[in-house]
Amino acid sequence: MQPLKKDKTYEILFIGNSYTFFNSGVPAELKALATCAGYSVNVDSVTKGGYALEQFADVNGPMGQQVREKLLEKRY
């Protein structure tokens, strides 16, 4: 397995429920760690307390639509 290239910017999408929502500092922490290691990253998130992964995958639901839009907008 090859290490990630440091000459490109990586897009990271967090999808999660209250664990991700209430620990909203996690995306910023990951970005800071990556930056310290010499990587360029952009982080974004779609979170909703009480939601299950299945609900984020349902494109007919509001959060599923949001996830779909994010995934169509960028390559994460």
C-alpha atoms as a PDB file:
ATOM      1  CA  MET A   1       0.000   0.000   0.000  1.00  0.00           C
ATOM      2  CA  GLN A   2       1.372   3.379  -1.019  1.00  0.00           C
ATOM      3  CA  PRO A   3       1.237   6.381   1.308  1.00  0.00           C
ATOM      4  CA  LEU A   4      -1.078   9.240   0.407  1.00  0.00           C
ATOM      5  CA  LYS A   5       0.410  11.890  -1.847  1.00  0.00           C
ATOM      6  CA  LYS A   6       1.197  15.178  -0.159  1.00  0.00           C
ATOM      7  CA  ASP A   7       0.885  17.252  -3.327  1.00  0.00           C
ATOM      8  CA  LYS A   8      -2.905  17.038  -3.542  1.00  0.00           C
ATOM      9  CA  THR A   9      -5.858  18.111  -1.427  1.00  0.00           C
ATOM     10  CA  TYR A  10      -8.067  15.431   0.054  1.00  0.00           C
ATOM     11  CA  GLU A  11     -11.794  15.919   0.637  1.00  0.00           C
ATOM     12  CA  ILE A  12     -13.200  14.185   3.731  1.00  0.00           C
ATOM     13  CA  LEU A  13     -16.915  13.905   4.521  1.00  0.00           C
ATOM     14  CA  PHE A  14     -18.117  12.966   7.991  1.00  0.00           C
ATOM     15  CA  ILE A  15     -21.566  11.376   8.074  1.00  0.00           C
ATOM     16  CA  GLY A  16     -23.005  10.580  11.460  1.00  0.00           C
ATOM     17  CA  ASN A  17     -25.463  10.830  14.279  1.00  0.00           C
ATOM     18  CA  SER A  18     -25.184  12.453  17.702  1.00  0.00           C
ATOM     19  CA  TYR A  19     -21.738  10.982  18.337  1.00  0.00           C
ATOM     20  CA  THR A  20     -20.398  12.951  15.391  1.00  0.00           C
ATOM     21  CA  PHE A  21     -22.778  15.879  15.891  1.00  0.00           C
ATOM     22  CA  PHE A  22     -21.941  16.541  19.548  1.00  0.00           C
ATOM     23  CA  ASN A  23     -18.250  15.879  18.977  1.00  0.00           C
ATOM     24  CA  SER A  24     -18.225  18.415  16.158  1.00  0.00           C
ATOM     25  CA  GLY A  25     -14.595  19.216  16.887  1.00  0.00           C
ATOM     26  CA  VAL A  26     -13.555  15.885  15.378  1.00  0.00           C
ATOM     27  CA  PRO A  27     -13.454  17.158  11.761  1.00  0.00           C
ATOM     28  CA  ALA A  28     -11.313  20.131  12.815  1.00  0.00           C
ATOM     29  CA  GLU A  29      -9.028  17.860  14.852  1.00  0.00           C
ATOM     30  CA  LEU A  30      -8.538  15.554  11.875  1.00  0.00           C
ATOM     31  CA  LYS A  31      -7.748  18.531   9.653  1.00  0.00           C
ATOM     32  CA  ALA A  32      -5.208  19.820  12.186  1.00  0.00           C
ATOM     33  CA  LEU A  33      -3.523  16.411  12.472  1.00  0.00           C
ATOM     34  CA  ALA A  34      -3.368  16.033   8.689  1.00  0.00           C
ATOM     35  CA  THR A  35      -1.923  19.528   8.324  1.00  0.00           C
ATOM     36  CA  CYS A  36       0.751  18.785  10.935  1.00  0.00           C
ATOM     37  CA  ALA A  37       1.664  15.674   8.960  1.00  0.00           C
ATOM     38  CA  GLY A  38       2.043  17.735   5.770  1.00  0.00           C
ATOM     39  CA  TYR A  39      -1.267  16.897   4.110  1.00  0.00           C
ATOM     40  CA  SER A  40      -3.855  19.266   2.708  1.00  0.00           C
ATOM     41  CA  VAL A  41      -7.429  18.307   3.583  1.00  0.00           C
ATOM     42  CA  ASN A  42     -10.862  19.878   3.461  1.00  0.00           C
ATOM     43  CA  VAL A  43     -13.463  18.464   5.813  1.00  0.00           C
ATOM     44  CA  ASP A  44     -17.228  18.705   5.653  1.00  0.00           C
ATOM     45  CA  SER A  45     -20.010  16.931   7.517  1.00  0.00           C
ATOM     46  CA  VAL A  46     -23.625  15.870   7.393  1.00  0.00           C
ATOM     47  CA  THR A  47     -24.847  15.065  10.897  1.00  0.00           C
ATOM     48  CA  LYS A  48     -28.139  14.644  12.692  1.00  0.00           C
ATOM     49  CA  GLY A  49     -28.600  13.420  16.238  1.00  0.00           C
ATOM     50  CA  GLY A  50     -30.528  10.178  16.568  1.00  0.00           C
ATOM     51  CA  TYR A  51     -30.098   9.178  12.936  1.00  0.00           C
ATOM     52  CA  ALA A  52     -28.970   5.732  11.787  1.00  0.00           C
ATOM     53  CA  LEU A  53     -26.674   5.181   8.821  1.00  0.00           C
ATOM     54  CA  GLU A  54     -29.636   3.753   6.916  1.00  0.00           C
ATOM     55  CA  GLN A  55     -31.387   7.130   7.147  1.00  0.00           C
ATOM     56  CA  PHE A  56     -28.374   8.936   5.710  1.00  0.00           C
ATOM     57  CA  ALA A  57     -28.422   6.498   2.806  1.00  0.00           C
ATOM     58  CA  ASP A  58     -32.125   7.073   2.047  1.00  0.00           C
ATOM     59  CA  VAL A  59     -32.141   9.625  -0.791  1.00  0.00           C
ATOM     60  CA  ASN A  60     -35.873  10.175  -0.230  1.00  0.00           C
ATOM     61  CA  GLY A  61     -35.246  11.523   3.283  1.00  0.00           C
ATOM     62  CA  PRO A  62     -33.917  14.997   4.104  1.00  0.00           C
ATOM     63  CA  MET A  63     -30.513  13.874   5.388  1.00  0.00           C
ATOM     64  CA  GLY A  64     -30.134  11.341   2.595  1.00  0.00           C
ATOM     65  CA  GLN A  65     -30.751  14.122   0.092  1.00  0.00           C
ATOM     66  CA  GLN A  66     -28.095  16.222   1.795  1.00  0.00           C
ATOM     67  CA  VAL A  67     -25.571  13.362   1.654  1.00  0.00           C
ATOM     68  CA  ARG A  68     -26.398  12.744  -1.998  1.00  0.00           C
ATOM     69  CA  GLU A  69     -25.899  16.421  -2.861  1.00  0.00           C
ATOM     70  CA  LYS A  70     -22.522  16.479  -1.094  1.00  0.00           C
ATOM     71  CA  LEU A  71     -21.385  13.313  -2.874  1.00  0.00           C
ATOM     72  CA  LEU A  72     -22.415  14.694  -6.243  1.00  0.00           C
ATOM     73  CA  GLU A  73     -20.692  18.022  -5.514  1.00  0.00           C
ATOM     74  CA  LYS A  74     -17.235  16.619  -4.647  1.00  0.00           C
ATOM     75  CA  ARG A  75     -15.198  13.457  -4.733  1.00  0.00           C
ATOM     76  CA  TYR A  76     -14.620  12.485  -1.106  1.00  0.00           C
END
